[in-house]
Amino acid sequence: MGDRKVYLYKDKFTGDDMFNGAYPCSLIDDVVFCVEGKMIKKGGDSFDLGRGNAFSSGGVDEEVDDTVEMVINVIDTGRLQQTSFDKKGFLTWIFFAVYLFYCLFFEF
């Protein structure tokens, strides 16, 4: 068996995991990663343990709520969380990110 490396990409400023090398990605202008994700179905799975309705208290199969949720695989498997910024909060965050970027590459 050959050695297979899985790359984990982290945010340079926060150290947070962003994505891993299992997903197709490309680097744009040596600055931004573009990661290809797909919509997948999550939930709604049914499992048969081979016992039929033996675990049921009655003799009738119970109705199960099979809700299927559509998610993006990169976000779901990475357990990424949605952020909520208002305009002022976003501007504060982006100015701080630009400042960190500047400090990292142009050390003053």
N, C-alpha and C. Protein backbone atom coordinates (compact mmCIF):
# COMPACT_ATOMS: atom_id res chain seq x y z
N MET A 1 0.83 -1.17 0.00
CA MET A 1 0.00 0.00 0.00
C MET A 1 0.89 1.24 0.00
N GLY A 2 0.62 2.15 -0.90
CA GLY A 2 1.40 3.38 -0.98
C GLY A 2 0.96 4.39 0.07
N ASP A 3 1.85 5.29 0.38
CA ASP A 3 1.52 6.35 1.33
C ASP A 3 0.61 7.36 0.66
N ARG A 4 -0.51 7.63 1.28
CA ARG A 4 -1.45 8.62 0.77
C ARG A 4 -1.51 9.76 1.77
N LYS A 5 -1.27 10.96 1.30
CA LYS A 5 -1.32 12.12 2.16
C LYS A 5 -2.64 12.84 1.97
N VAL A 6 -3.23 13.21 3.06
CA VAL A 6 -4.44 14.03 3.03
C VAL A 6 -4.06 15.39 3.59
N TYR A 7 -4.27 16.40 2.80
CA TYR A 7 -3.91 17.75 3.22
C TYR A 7 -5.08 18.41 3.93
N LEU A 8 -4.79 19.10 5.01
CA LEU A 8 -5.78 19.85 5.74
C LEU A 8 -5.40 21.32 5.64
N TYR A 9 -6.27 22.12 5.06
CA TYR A 9 -6.01 23.53 4.87
C TYR A 9 -6.55 24.30 6.06
N LYS A 10 -5.70 25.13 6.66
CA LYS A 10 -6.08 25.90 7.84
C LYS A 10 -5.99 27.39 7.55
N ASP A 11 -6.80 28.15 8.26
CA ASP A 11 -6.75 29.61 8.18
C ASP A 11 -5.47 30.07 8.87
N LYS A 12 -4.67 30.83 8.17
CA LYS A 12 -3.38 31.27 8.69
C LYS A 12 -3.52 32.20 9.89
N PHE A 13 -4.61 32.94 9.96
CA PHE A 13 -4.78 33.92 11.03
C PHE A 13 -5.42 33.31 12.28
N THR A 14 -6.44 32.47 12.10
CA THR A 14 -7.17 31.94 13.25
C THR A 14 -6.79 30.51 13.61
N GLY A 15 -6.20 29.78 12.65
CA GLY A 15 -5.86 28.38 12.90
C GLY A 15 -7.04 27.44 12.69
N ASP A 16 -8.19 27.97 12.28
CA ASP A 16 -9.38 27.14 12.05
C ASP A 16 -9.20 26.29 10.81
N ASP A 17 -9.76 25.05 10.85
CA ASP A 17 -9.76 24.19 9.67
C ASP A 17 -10.71 24.78 8.64
N MET A 18 -10.28 24.81 7.37
CA MET A 18 -11.15 25.33 6.31
C MET A 18 -11.72 24.19 5.47
N PHE A 19 -10.85 23.31 4.96
CA PHE A 19 -11.28 22.16 4.16
C PHE A 19 -10.10 21.23 4.05
N ASN A 20 -10.35 20.02 3.51
CA ASN A 20 -9.24 19.08 3.32
C ASN A 20 -9.06 18.77 1.84
N GLY A 21 -8.01 18.06 1.54
CA GLY A 21 -7.65 17.78 0.15
C GLY A 21 -8.52 16.75 -0.53
N ALA A 22 -9.55 16.25 0.14
CA ALA A 22 -10.44 15.27 -0.48
C ALA A 22 -11.36 15.91 -1.51
N TYR A 23 -11.48 17.23 -1.46
CA TYR A 23 -12.36 17.95 -2.37
C TYR A 23 -11.54 18.65 -3.44
N PRO A 24 -12.01 18.65 -4.67
CA PRO A 24 -11.28 19.36 -5.73
C PRO A 24 -11.21 20.86 -5.42
N CYS A 25 -10.02 21.41 -5.53
CA CYS A 25 -9.87 22.84 -5.26
C CYS A 25 -8.84 23.43 -6.20
N SER A 26 -8.92 24.74 -6.36
CA SER A 26 -7.95 25.45 -7.18
C SER A 26 -7.60 26.76 -6.48
N LEU A 27 -6.40 27.23 -6.75
CA LEU A 27 -5.92 28.48 -6.16
C LEU A 27 -6.08 29.59 -7.20
N ILE A 28 -6.76 30.65 -6.82
CA ILE A 28 -7.03 31.76 -7.73
C ILE A 28 -6.14 32.94 -7.34
N ASP A 29 -5.35 33.41 -8.28
CA ASP A 29 -4.46 34.56 -8.08
C ASP A 29 -3.54 34.41 -6.88
N ASP A 30 -3.18 33.18 -6.54
CA ASP A 30 -2.30 32.89 -5.41
C ASP A 30 -2.81 33.47 -4.10
N VAL A 31 -4.12 33.69 -3.99
CA VAL A 31 -4.68 34.30 -2.78
C VAL A 31 -5.88 33.52 -2.26
N VAL A 32 -6.81 33.14 -3.13
CA VAL A 32 -8.09 32.58 -2.73
C VAL A 32 -8.22 31.15 -3.25
N PHE A 33 -8.70 30.26 -2.36
CA PHE A 33 -8.99 28.90 -2.78
C PHE A 33 -10.44 28.80 -3.23
N CYS A 34 -10.66 28.09 -4.32
CA CYS A 34 -12.00 27.79 -4.80
C CYS A 34 -12.20 26.29 -4.61
N VAL A 35 -13.10 25.90 -3.72
CA VAL A 35 -13.34 24.50 -3.40
C VAL A 35 -14.65 24.06 -4.03
N GLU A 36 -14.62 22.93 -4.73
CA GLU A 36 -15.81 22.42 -5.40
C GLU A 36 -16.60 21.53 -4.45
N GLY A 37 -17.82 21.94 -4.16
CA GLY A 37 -18.70 21.16 -3.30
C GLY A 37 -19.90 20.67 -4.09
N LYS A 38 -20.61 19.72 -3.52
CA LYS A 38 -21.80 19.17 -4.16
C LYS A 38 -22.94 19.14 -3.16
N MET A 39 -24.15 19.31 -3.66
CA MET A 39 -25.34 19.17 -2.83
C MET A 39 -25.60 17.68 -2.63
N ILE A 40 -25.71 17.28 -1.37
CA ILE A 40 -25.99 15.88 -1.06
C ILE A 40 -27.19 15.80 -0.13
N LYS A 41 -27.81 14.64 -0.08
CA LYS A 41 -28.94 14.43 0.81
C LYS A 41 -28.43 13.95 2.16
N LYS A 42 -28.97 14.54 3.23
CA LYS A 42 -28.59 14.14 4.57
C LYS A 42 -29.86 13.77 5.33
N GLY A 43 -29.82 12.62 5.96
CA GLY A 43 -30.99 12.16 6.72
C GLY A 43 -31.90 11.32 5.86
N GLY A 44 -32.99 10.88 6.46
CA GLY A 44 -33.96 10.07 5.74
C GLY A 44 -33.52 8.64 5.53
N ASP A 45 -32.43 8.24 6.20
CA ASP A 45 -31.94 6.87 6.03
C ASP A 45 -32.78 5.91 6.87
N SER A 46 -33.01 4.74 6.34
CA SER A 46 -33.70 3.72 7.12
C SER A 46 -32.78 2.51 7.23
N PHE A 47 -32.76 1.93 8.41
CA PHE A 47 -31.87 0.80 8.66
C PHE A 47 -32.70 -0.39 9.10
N ASP A 48 -32.44 -1.54 8.49
CA ASP A 48 -33.11 -2.77 8.87
C ASP A 48 -32.10 -3.62 9.63
N LEU A 49 -32.41 -3.91 10.89
CA LEU A 49 -31.51 -4.71 11.71
C LEU A 49 -31.76 -6.21 11.55
N GLY A 50 -32.68 -6.55 10.67
CA GLY A 50 -32.96 -7.96 10.43
C GLY A 50 -33.94 -8.55 11.41
N ARG A 51 -34.59 -7.72 12.24
CA ARG A 51 -35.53 -8.22 13.22
C ARG A 51 -36.96 -7.82 12.91
N GLY A 52 -37.17 -7.20 11.76
CA GLY A 52 -38.52 -6.79 11.39
C GLY A 52 -39.08 -5.83 12.42
N ASN A 53 -40.30 -6.10 12.93
CA ASN A 53 -40.89 -5.23 13.93
C ASN A 53 -40.81 -5.85 15.32
N ALA A 54 -39.82 -6.68 15.58
CA ALA A 54 -39.67 -7.34 16.87
C ALA A 54 -39.41 -6.36 18.00
N PHE A 55 -38.88 -5.19 17.71
CA PHE A 55 -38.60 -4.21 18.75
C PHE A 55 -39.79 -3.31 19.03
N SER A 56 -40.81 -3.43 18.22
CA SER A 56 -41.99 -2.60 18.39
C SER A 56 -42.87 -3.20 19.46
N SER A 57 -43.55 -2.34 20.24
CA SER A 57 -44.43 -2.85 21.30
C SER A 57 -45.70 -3.46 20.71
N GLY A 58 -46.10 -2.99 19.53
CA GLY A 58 -47.29 -3.52 18.88
C GLY A 58 -46.86 -4.37 17.68
N GLY A 59 -47.81 -4.88 16.98
CA GLY A 59 -47.49 -5.70 15.84
C GLY A 59 -47.45 -4.91 14.54
N VAL A 60 -47.73 -3.61 14.60
CA VAL A 60 -47.81 -2.78 13.41
C VAL A 60 -46.56 -1.92 13.29
N ASP A 61 -46.02 -1.81 12.08
CA ASP A 61 -44.87 -0.93 11.87
C ASP A 61 -45.27 0.51 12.16
N GLU A 62 -44.40 1.23 12.86
CA GLU A 62 -44.67 2.62 13.18
C GLU A 62 -44.20 3.51 12.05
N GLU A 63 -44.91 4.61 11.87
CA GLU A 63 -44.52 5.59 10.85
C GLU A 63 -43.28 6.34 11.32
N VAL A 64 -42.34 6.52 10.44
CA VAL A 64 -41.12 7.25 10.75
C VAL A 64 -41.09 8.50 9.89
N ASP A 65 -40.74 9.61 10.52
CA ASP A 65 -40.65 10.86 9.79
C ASP A 65 -39.32 10.88 9.02
N ASP A 66 -39.37 10.63 7.74
CA ASP A 66 -38.16 10.61 6.91
C ASP A 66 -37.96 11.98 6.30
N THR A 67 -37.29 12.84 7.03
CA THR A 67 -37.00 14.16 6.49
C THR A 67 -35.61 14.13 5.88
N VAL A 68 -35.54 14.59 4.67
CA VAL A 68 -34.27 14.64 3.96
C VAL A 68 -33.87 16.09 3.82
N GLU A 69 -32.64 16.39 4.22
CA GLU A 69 -32.13 17.76 4.14
C GLU A 69 -31.04 17.79 3.07
N MET A 70 -31.06 18.80 2.23
CA MET A 70 -30.01 18.98 1.23
C MET A 70 -28.92 19.87 1.82
N VAL A 71 -27.68 19.37 1.81
CA VAL A 71 -26.55 20.12 2.37
C VAL A 71 -25.39 20.11 1.37
N ILE A 72 -24.45 21.02 1.55
CA ILE A 72 -23.23 21.03 0.74
C ILE A 72 -22.20 20.18 1.46
N ASN A 73 -21.63 19.20 0.75
CA ASN A 73 -20.77 18.21 1.40
C ASN A 73 -19.56 18.82 2.10
N VAL A 74 -18.93 19.82 1.54
CA VAL A 74 -17.74 20.43 2.16
C VAL A 74 -18.11 21.08 3.49
N ILE A 75 -19.24 21.73 3.54
CA ILE A 75 -19.68 22.42 4.75
C ILE A 75 -20.14 21.43 5.80
N ASP A 76 -20.88 20.41 5.39
CA ASP A 76 -21.42 19.44 6.34
C ASP A 76 -20.33 18.58 6.96
N THR A 77 -19.44 18.03 6.15
CA THR A 77 -18.40 17.15 6.71
C THR A 77 -17.37 17.92 7.52
N GLY A 78 -17.15 19.18 7.18
CA GLY A 78 -16.23 20.00 7.95
C GLY A 78 -16.87 20.64 9.16
N ARG A 79 -18.17 20.44 9.33
CA ARG A 79 -18.95 21.03 10.42
C ARG A 79 -18.74 22.54 10.52
N LEU A 80 -18.72 23.18 9.37
CA LEU A 80 -18.55 24.63 9.32
C LEU A 80 -19.84 25.31 9.77
N GLN A 81 -19.71 26.45 10.39
CA GLN A 81 -20.86 27.18 10.92
C GLN A 81 -21.10 28.45 10.11
N GLN A 82 -22.35 28.77 9.92
CA GLN A 82 -22.72 29.99 9.22
C GLN A 82 -22.46 31.19 10.12
N THR A 83 -21.95 32.23 9.53
CA THR A 83 -21.74 33.47 10.29
C THR A 83 -22.86 34.44 9.96
N SER A 84 -23.10 35.35 10.87
CA SER A 84 -24.11 36.37 10.59
C SER A 84 -23.51 37.72 10.94
N PHE A 85 -23.25 38.49 9.92
CA PHE A 85 -22.70 39.82 10.08
C PHE A 85 -23.72 40.85 9.63
N ASP A 86 -23.81 41.93 10.38
CA ASP A 86 -24.49 43.08 9.82
C ASP A 86 -23.41 43.88 9.09
N LYS A 87 -23.76 44.96 8.46
CA LYS A 87 -22.80 45.71 7.65
C LYS A 87 -21.63 46.21 8.49
N LYS A 88 -21.90 46.74 9.66
CA LYS A 88 -20.84 47.26 10.52
C LYS A 88 -19.92 46.13 11.00
N GLY A 89 -20.50 45.01 11.40
CA GLY A 89 -19.71 43.87 11.86
C GLY A 89 -18.83 43.30 10.76
N PHE A 90 -19.37 43.23 9.54
CA PHE A 90 -18.58 42.73 8.41
C PHE A 90 -17.43 43.66 8.11
N LEU A 91 -17.68 44.97 8.09
CA LEU A 91 -16.61 45.93 7.81
C LEU A 91 -15.51 45.86 8.87
N THR A 92 -15.90 45.71 10.13
CA THR A 92 -14.91 45.57 11.20
C THR A 92 -14.07 44.33 10.97
N TRP A 93 -14.72 43.20 10.63
CA TRP A 93 -14.01 41.95 10.41
C TRP A 93 -13.08 42.05 9.20
N ILE A 94 -13.55 42.62 8.10
CA ILE A 94 -12.74 42.66 6.88
C ILE A 94 -11.55 43.59 7.05
N PHE A 95 -11.73 44.71 7.76
CA PHE A 95 -10.59 45.60 8.01
C PHE A 95 -9.53 44.90 8.87
N PHE A 96 -9.97 44.14 9.86
CA PHE A 96 -9.04 43.40 10.70
C PHE A 96 -8.32 42.33 9.87
N ALA A 97 -9.05 41.62 9.00
CA ALA A 97 -8.43 40.59 8.16
C ALA A 97 -7.40 41.20 7.21
N VAL A 98 -7.72 42.35 6.62
CA VAL A 98 -6.77 43.02 5.73
C VAL A 98 -5.54 43.47 6.51
N TYR A 99 -5.75 43.97 7.72
CA TYR A 99 -4.63 44.38 8.58
C TYR A 99 -3.72 43.19 8.88
N LEU A 100 -4.30 42.04 9.24
CA LEU A 100 -3.49 40.85 9.52
C LEU A 100 -2.75 40.39 8.27
N PHE A 101 -3.42 40.43 7.14
CA PHE A 101 -2.80 40.04 5.88
C PHE A 101 -1.61 40.95 5.57
N TYR A 102 -1.79 42.23 5.75
CA TYR A 102 -0.73 43.21 5.50
C TYR A 102 0.45 42.95 6.44
N CYS A 103 0.17 42.73 7.72
CA CYS A 103 1.22 42.47 8.71
C CYS A 103 1.98 41.19 8.37
N LEU A 104 1.28 40.19 7.90
CA LEU A 104 1.91 38.91 7.60
C LEU A 104 2.86 39.00 6.42
N PHE A 105 2.46 39.72 5.39
CA PHE A 105 3.26 39.75 4.15
C PHE A 105 4.18 40.95 4.01
N PHE A 106 3.91 42.02 4.74
CA PHE A 106 4.73 43.21 4.59
C PHE A 106 5.33 43.67 5.91
N GLU A 107 5.60 42.76 6.81
CA GLU A 107 6.12 43.04 8.14
C GLU A 107 6.63 44.47 8.32
N PHE A 108 5.98 45.19 9.21
CA PHE A 108 6.47 46.54 9.41
C PHE A 108 7.22 46.68 10.65
